[in-house]
Protein backbone atom coordinates (compact mmCIF):
# COMPACT_ATOMS: atom_id res chain seq x y z
CA UNK A 1 0.00 0.00 0.00
CA UNK A 2 1.11 3.55 -0.65
CA UNK A 3 0.89 4.66 2.97
CA UNK A 4 3.05 1.76 4.07
CA UNK A 5 5.62 2.79 1.48
CA UNK A 6 5.93 6.19 3.18
CA UNK A 7 3.69 8.19 0.86
CA UNK A 8 1.74 10.25 3.40
CA UNK A 9 -0.35 12.12 0.81
CA UNK A 10 -1.74 9.05 -0.90
CA UNK A 11 -5.43 8.42 -1.28
CA UNK A 12 -7.83 6.34 -3.36
CA UNK A 13 -8.71 7.60 -6.81
CA UNK A 14 -12.41 6.88 -7.27
CA UNK A 15 -12.25 7.40 -11.03
CA UNK A 16 -9.19 5.23 -11.64
CA UNK A 17 -9.34 2.79 -8.73
CA UNK A 18 -5.63 3.36 -8.15
CA UNK A 19 -3.71 5.15 -5.39
CA UNK A 20 -3.18 8.84 -6.17
CA UNK A 21 -1.35 11.74 -4.56
CA UNK A 22 -4.23 13.76 -3.09
CA UNK A 23 -2.23 16.98 -3.11
CA UNK A 24 -1.55 16.68 -6.86
CA UNK A 25 -5.21 15.76 -7.45
CA UNK A 26 -6.17 18.87 -5.41
CA UNK A 27 -8.39 16.89 -3.05
CA UNK A 28 -7.89 18.64 0.26
CA UNK A 29 -10.33 18.41 3.15
CA UNK A 30 -9.74 20.98 5.86
CA UNK A 31 -9.50 19.91 9.49
CA UNK A 32 -12.47 22.16 10.27
CA UNK A 33 -14.75 19.99 8.12
CA UNK A 34 -13.69 16.79 9.87
CA UNK A 35 -13.98 18.38 13.31
CA UNK A 36 -17.47 19.72 12.56
CA UNK A 37 -18.59 16.29 11.30
CA UNK A 38 -17.43 14.64 14.53
CA UNK A 39 -19.14 17.27 16.69
CA UNK A 40 -22.36 16.97 14.68
CA UNK A 41 -22.36 13.19 15.00
CA UNK A 42 -21.81 13.43 18.77
CA UNK A 43 -24.59 16.00 19.14
CA UNK A 44 -26.96 13.78 17.15
CA UNK A 45 -26.15 10.76 19.30
CA UNK A 46 -26.73 12.75 22.50
CA UNK A 47 -30.06 14.04 21.19
CA UNK A 48 -31.21 10.52 20.30
CA UNK A 49 -30.27 9.27 23.76
CA UNK A 50 -32.16 12.13 25.41
CA UNK A 51 -35.27 11.52 23.32
CA UNK A 52 -35.09 7.81 24.11
CA UNK A 53 -34.93 8.68 27.83
CA UNK A 54 -38.10 10.80 27.55
CA UNK A 55 -40.08 8.33 25.42
CA UNK A 56 -39.25 5.09 27.24
CA UNK A 57 -38.62 5.80 30.92
CA UNK A 58 -37.84 2.74 33.04
C-alpha atoms as a PDB file:
ATOM      1  CA  UNK A   1       0.000   0.000   0.000  1.00  0.00           C
ATOM      2  CA  UNK A   2       1.113   3.547  -0.653  1.00  0.00           C
ATOM      3  CA  UNK A   3       0.890   4.662   2.972  1.00  0.00           C
ATOM      4  CA  UNK A   4       3.048   1.756   4.068  1.00  0.00           C
ATOM      5  CA  UNK A   5       5.623   2.794   1.481  1.00  0.00           C
ATOM      6  CA  UNK A   6       5.932   6.192   3.179  1.00  0.00           C
ATOM      7  CA  UNK A   7       3.691   8.192   0.858  1.00  0.00           C
ATOM      8  CA  UNK A   8       1.739  10.246   3.400  1.00  0.00           C
ATOM      9  CA  UNK A   9      -0.351  12.120   0.813  1.00  0.00           C
ATOM     10  CA  UNK A  10      -1.740   9.046  -0.900  1.00  0.00           C
ATOM     11  CA  UNK A  11      -5.433   8.416  -1.285  1.00  0.00           C
ATOM     12  CA  UNK A  12      -7.828   6.341  -3.359  1.00  0.00           C
ATOM     13  CA  UNK A  13      -8.713   7.602  -6.814  1.00  0.00           C
ATOM     14  CA  UNK A  14     -12.414   6.877  -7.273  1.00  0.00           C
ATOM     15  CA  UNK A  15     -12.251   7.401 -11.031  1.00  0.00           C
ATOM     16  CA  UNK A  16      -9.185   5.230 -11.637  1.00  0.00           C
ATOM     17  CA  UNK A  17      -9.336   2.788  -8.726  1.00  0.00           C
ATOM     18  CA  UNK A  18      -5.629   3.361  -8.147  1.00  0.00           C
ATOM     19  CA  UNK A  19      -3.712   5.146  -5.391  1.00  0.00           C
ATOM     20  CA  UNK A  20      -3.178   8.837  -6.166  1.00  0.00           C
ATOM     21  CA  UNK A  21      -1.353  11.742  -4.558  1.00  0.00           C
ATOM     22  CA  UNK A  22      -4.232  13.756  -3.090  1.00  0.00           C
ATOM     23  CA  UNK A  23      -2.227  16.980  -3.113  1.00  0.00           C
ATOM     24  CA  UNK A  24      -1.552  16.685  -6.862  1.00  0.00           C
ATOM     25  CA  UNK A  25      -5.205  15.763  -7.455  1.00  0.00           C
ATOM     26  CA  UNK A  26      -6.166  18.875  -5.408  1.00  0.00           C
ATOM     27  CA  UNK A  27      -8.393  16.885  -3.051  1.00  0.00           C
ATOM     28  CA  UNK A  28      -7.893  18.640   0.260  1.00  0.00           C
ATOM     29  CA  UNK A  29     -10.327  18.408   3.150  1.00  0.00           C
ATOM     30  CA  UNK A  30      -9.738  20.982   5.862  1.00  0.00           C
ATOM     31  CA  UNK A  31      -9.495  19.913   9.495  1.00  0.00           C
ATOM     32  CA  UNK A  32     -12.471  22.163  10.272  1.00  0.00           C
ATOM     33  CA  UNK A  33     -14.755  19.990   8.116  1.00  0.00           C
ATOM     34  CA  UNK A  34     -13.692  16.792   9.870  1.00  0.00           C
ATOM     35  CA  UNK A  35     -13.976  18.385  13.314  1.00  0.00           C
ATOM     36  CA  UNK A  36     -17.465  19.717  12.564  1.00  0.00           C
ATOM     37  CA  UNK A  37     -18.588  16.293  11.297  1.00  0.00           C
ATOM     38  CA  UNK A  38     -17.432  14.636  14.527  1.00  0.00           C
ATOM     39  CA  UNK A  39     -19.135  17.272  16.694  1.00  0.00           C
ATOM     40  CA  UNK A  40     -22.364  16.974  14.683  1.00  0.00           C
ATOM     41  CA  UNK A  41     -22.359  13.191  15.004  1.00  0.00           C
ATOM     42  CA  UNK A  42     -21.807  13.433  18.768  1.00  0.00           C
ATOM     43  CA  UNK A  43     -24.593  16.001  19.138  1.00  0.00           C
ATOM     44  CA  UNK A  44     -26.964  13.780  17.149  1.00  0.00           C
ATOM     45  CA  UNK A  45     -26.148  10.758  19.302  1.00  0.00           C
ATOM     46  CA  UNK A  46     -26.729  12.750  22.501  1.00  0.00           C
ATOM     47  CA  UNK A  47     -30.056  14.041  21.187  1.00  0.00           C
ATOM     48  CA  UNK A  48     -31.209  10.517  20.302  1.00  0.00           C
ATOM     49  CA  UNK A  49     -30.273   9.269  23.763  1.00  0.00           C
ATOM     50  CA  UNK A  50     -32.160  12.134  25.408  1.00  0.00           C
ATOM     51  CA  UNK A  51     -35.274  11.518  23.320  1.00  0.00           C
ATOM     52  CA  UNK A  52     -35.087   7.811  24.113  1.00  0.00           C
ATOM     53  CA  UNK A  53     -34.933   8.677  27.829  1.00  0.00           C
ATOM     54  CA  UNK A  54     -38.102  10.795  27.547  1.00  0.00           C
ATOM     55  CA  UNK A  55     -40.084   8.329  25.421  1.00  0.00           C
ATOM     56  CA  UNK A  56     -39.248   5.092  27.237  1.00  0.00           C
ATOM     57  CA  UNK A  57     -38.624   5.800  30.917  1.00  0.00           C
ATOM     58  CA  UNK A  58     -37.838   2.742  33.035  1.00  0.00           C
END
